Amino acid sequence: MRSLNNRAAVELSIGTIVVIVLAMSMLILGLVLVKNIFTGATHNVQILNDKVRGEINKLFNDQGQRIAIFLPNNEAAVKKGDSFGVAFGIKNTVEGESTAGRFTYAVQAASVQRGCSLSIQEADSYLILGNTGNFDALPGSDAIYRIVKVKPSEVSPLCEIQYDITVTKDGQPYETGFFIVKITD
C-alpha cells in the first residue's frame, strides 16, 4: 500500500510540474502578444500624428495661412460623452524679424446654435485640454502644433457650437480661426 501511495505522489508531482510549465508558457506568450499589440498601437499613433502634421503643413503651403485647423470644413461631429481632439497649427510668418515672437493662443466658445439650450459658459466647459497655451517661434520656422480636446457631457443637448482660436504675438492680435463642434447621439 505504501508503494502505491509513493507512486501516486510522484505522478501527482509530475502532473503539477507539467501544469506549471504549460501555465508559464501561456503567460509568456500572452505577455509577448500584449507587448506586440501595444508596440503596434504606439507606432500607428505616431504615423497618424505625422500624417496630421503633414496635412496641416499642406494647408499652410496651399493657402498661405498663419493658422490651420485640420478638420474637413472646420467641423467635427462629437458624440455625447466622447472626447475629440482638434489639431491645429500656428506659423510665424512675420518677415524682417530676427528674434522669436511670443505667441499665446486661447480657444473659447463664440456662439451656440439658435434654439439650443446651452450657454456659452457650458460650451466652454466642454473644452477639457489644450484650450490655452503659449510658445516661442522664429519667423519662417516650422509650424507649432497643438491639440484641443472637446468632450460634451452625457446630457448635452444636440446642437452646434462654434469655438474661436485667438492667437496673439507679443501681446498684439495675430490671427484667428474657428471650428464647429456638432454634438450627436
Protein backbone atom coordinates (compact mmCIF):
# COMPACT_ATOMS: atom_id res chain seq x y z
CA MET A 1 0.00 0.00 0.00
CA ARG A 2 2.88 2.30 0.81
CA SER A 3 4.44 1.71 -2.62
CA LEU A 4 1.13 2.67 -4.27
CA ASN A 5 1.00 5.93 -2.29
CA ASN A 6 4.58 6.80 -3.34
CA ARG A 7 3.77 6.14 -7.00
CA ALA A 8 0.63 8.30 -6.75
CA ALA A 9 2.63 11.09 -5.11
CA VAL A 10 5.25 11.02 -7.91
CA GLU A 11 2.55 11.06 -10.61
CA LEU A 12 0.84 13.98 -8.87
CA SER A 13 4.16 15.85 -8.67
CA ILE A 14 4.87 15.27 -12.38
CA GLY A 15 1.33 16.39 -13.27
CA THR A 16 1.75 19.56 -11.20
CA ILE A 17 5.09 20.36 -12.87
CA VAL A 18 3.56 19.89 -16.34
CA VAL A 19 0.66 22.20 -15.47
CA ILE A 20 3.07 24.85 -14.10
CA VAL A 21 5.28 24.65 -17.22
CA LEU A 22 2.24 25.00 -19.50
CA ALA A 23 0.88 27.91 -17.44
CA MET A 24 4.24 29.73 -17.58
CA SER A 25 4.44 29.17 -21.34
CA MET A 26 0.96 30.62 -21.81
CA LEU A 27 1.84 33.59 -19.58
CA ILE A 28 4.99 34.34 -21.58
CA LEU A 29 3.14 34.03 -24.88
CA GLY A 30 0.41 36.32 -23.56
CA LEU A 31 2.94 38.94 -22.45
CA VAL A 32 4.69 38.84 -25.84
CA LEU A 33 1.34 39.26 -27.60
CA VAL A 34 0.35 42.24 -25.42
CA LYS A 35 3.76 43.85 -25.98
CA ASN A 36 3.40 43.46 -29.74
CA ILE A 37 -0.09 44.94 -29.69
CA PHE A 38 0.98 47.99 -27.70
CA THR A 39 4.10 48.50 -29.80
CA GLY A 40 1.98 48.39 -32.95
CA ALA A 41 -0.58 50.78 -31.48
CA THR A 42 2.13 53.27 -30.48
CA HIS A 43 3.62 53.07 -33.97
CA ASN A 44 0.19 53.66 -35.55
CA VAL A 45 -0.43 56.71 -33.35
CA GLN A 46 2.95 58.14 -34.37
CA ILE A 47 2.12 57.60 -38.05
CA LEU A 48 -1.24 59.34 -37.56
CA ASN A 49 0.44 62.26 -35.80
CA ASP A 50 2.93 62.59 -38.66
CA LYS A 51 0.13 62.48 -41.24
CA VAL A 52 -1.89 65.15 -39.39
CA ARG A 53 1.21 67.36 -39.25
CA GLY A 54 1.76 66.76 -42.94
CA GLU A 55 -1.82 67.76 -43.76
CA ILE A 56 -1.55 70.91 -41.64
CA ASN A 57 1.71 71.80 -43.40
CA LYS A 58 -0.05 71.25 -46.73
CA LEU A 59 -2.76 73.69 -45.62
CA PHE A 60 -0.10 76.27 -44.77
CA ASN A 61 1.60 75.82 -48.16
CA ASP A 62 -1.61 75.76 -50.21
CA GLN A 63 -3.39 78.64 -48.53
CA GLY A 64 -0.58 80.73 -47.04
CA GLN A 65 -2.37 81.00 -43.71
CA ARG A 66 -0.95 81.77 -40.28
CA ILE A 67 -3.26 79.29 -38.55
CA ALA A 68 -4.50 75.99 -39.97
CA ILE A 69 -7.12 73.72 -38.46
CA PHE A 70 -7.19 70.10 -39.58
CA LEU A 71 -10.91 69.39 -39.94
CA PRO A 72 -12.98 68.93 -43.08
CA ASN A 73 -14.97 72.16 -43.44
CA ASN A 74 -13.72 73.10 -39.94
CA GLU A 75 -16.46 70.89 -38.47
CA ALA A 76 -16.34 67.89 -36.15
CA ALA A 77 -19.20 65.60 -35.11
CA VAL A 78 -18.73 64.51 -31.50
CA LYS A 79 -20.94 62.04 -29.64
CA LYS A 80 -22.22 62.91 -26.19
CA GLY A 81 -19.73 61.77 -23.56
CA ASP A 82 -16.94 61.13 -26.10
CA SER A 83 -13.82 63.25 -26.36
CA PHE A 84 -12.46 64.51 -29.67
CA GLY A 85 -9.15 66.18 -30.45
CA VAL A 86 -8.96 69.09 -32.88
CA ALA A 87 -5.45 69.57 -34.28
CA PHE A 88 -4.26 72.98 -35.36
CA GLY A 89 -1.00 74.64 -36.28
CA ILE A 90 0.28 78.19 -35.91
CA LYS A 91 3.10 79.58 -38.02
CA ASN A 92 5.17 82.74 -37.56
CA THR A 93 5.04 84.38 -40.99
CA VAL A 94 6.23 87.85 -39.94
CA GLU A 95 9.19 88.82 -42.14
CA GLY A 96 12.14 91.00 -41.25
CA GLU A 97 12.43 89.89 -37.63
CA SER A 98 15.41 88.02 -36.29
CA THR A 99 14.09 87.16 -32.83
CA ALA A 100 11.44 84.71 -31.77
CA GLY A 101 7.97 86.02 -31.11
CA ARG A 102 5.99 85.05 -28.03
CA PHE A 103 2.71 83.52 -29.17
CA THR A 104 -0.31 82.92 -26.97
CA TYR A 105 -3.49 81.17 -28.02
CA ALA A 106 -6.89 80.74 -26.42
CA VAL A 107 -9.81 78.60 -27.54
CA GLN A 108 -13.27 79.52 -26.34
CA ALA A 109 -16.90 79.15 -27.34
CA ALA A 110 -18.02 82.03 -29.54
CA SER A 111 -21.60 81.07 -30.33
CA VAL A 112 -24.15 78.34 -29.86
CA GLN A 113 -26.77 77.27 -32.39
CA ARG A 114 -30.06 79.16 -32.10
CA GLY A 115 -32.69 77.30 -30.15
CA CYS A 116 -30.08 75.29 -28.28
CA SER A 117 -30.48 75.29 -24.50
CA LEU A 118 -26.74 75.56 -23.95
CA SER A 119 -24.97 78.62 -22.60
CA ILE A 120 -21.57 79.86 -23.75
CA GLN A 121 -20.16 79.00 -20.29
CA GLU A 122 -21.43 75.42 -20.57
CA ALA A 123 -19.95 75.15 -24.07
CA ASP A 124 -16.60 76.39 -22.68
CA SER A 125 -16.75 73.68 -20.02
CA TYR A 126 -16.61 71.06 -22.81
CA LEU A 127 -13.02 72.13 -23.54
CA ILE A 128 -11.08 69.66 -21.39
CA LEU A 129 -7.49 70.01 -22.59
CA GLY A 130 -5.30 72.43 -24.53
CA ASN A 131 -7.66 75.39 -24.63
CA THR A 132 -4.84 77.84 -23.79
CA GLY A 133 -1.12 77.86 -24.31
CA ASN A 134 1.93 79.80 -25.37
CA PHE A 135 5.19 79.20 -27.21
CA ASP A 136 8.05 81.00 -28.92
CA ALA A 137 8.58 80.77 -32.70
CA LEU A 138 11.14 82.27 -35.05
CA PRO A 139 9.95 83.85 -38.29
CA GLY A 140 9.83 81.28 -41.08
CA SER A 141 10.25 78.35 -38.69
CA ASP A 142 8.12 75.25 -38.83
CA ALA A 143 4.58 75.47 -37.56
CA ILE A 144 3.84 74.75 -33.92
CA TYR A 145 1.18 72.07 -33.49
CA ARG A 146 -1.37 71.83 -30.71
CA ILE A 147 -4.49 69.81 -29.96
CA VAL A 148 -7.54 70.99 -28.10
CA LYS A 149 -9.81 68.26 -26.70
CA VAL A 150 -13.56 68.70 -26.57
CA LYS A 151 -15.83 66.43 -24.53
CA PRO A 152 -19.58 67.17 -24.40
CA SER A 153 -21.32 65.82 -21.34
CA GLU A 154 -23.67 62.82 -21.46
CA VAL A 155 -26.67 65.15 -21.05
CA SER A 156 -25.62 67.72 -23.65
CA PRO A 157 -28.34 68.95 -25.98
CA LEU A 158 -27.91 68.12 -29.65
CA CYS A 159 -26.62 71.34 -31.17
CA GLU A 160 -23.67 73.04 -32.82
CA ILE A 161 -21.05 75.18 -31.08
CA GLN A 162 -18.54 77.48 -32.75
CA TYR A 163 -15.20 77.72 -30.99
CA ASP A 164 -12.77 80.51 -31.85
CA ILE A 165 -8.99 80.19 -31.67
CA THR A 166 -7.48 83.59 -30.94
CA VAL A 167 -3.72 83.98 -31.38
CA THR A 168 -1.64 86.92 -30.20
CA LYS A 169 2.01 87.61 -30.90
CA ASP A 170 3.91 89.63 -28.31
CA GLY A 171 0.57 90.77 -26.87
CA GLN A 172 -0.76 92.03 -30.22
CA PRO A 173 -3.54 90.35 -32.25
CA TYR A 174 -2.00 87.96 -34.77
CA GLU A 175 -4.64 85.63 -36.23
CA THR A 176 -7.96 83.96 -35.51
CA GLY A 177 -9.52 80.72 -36.64
CA PHE A 178 -12.59 78.72 -35.76
CA PHE A 179 -14.04 75.25 -35.73
CA ILE A 180 -17.54 73.92 -35.17
CA VAL A 181 -18.46 71.04 -32.90
CA LYS A 182 -21.71 69.28 -33.75
CA ILE A 183 -22.94 67.25 -30.76
CA THR A 184 -24.58 63.97 -31.80
CA ASP A 185 -26.08 60.92 -30.11
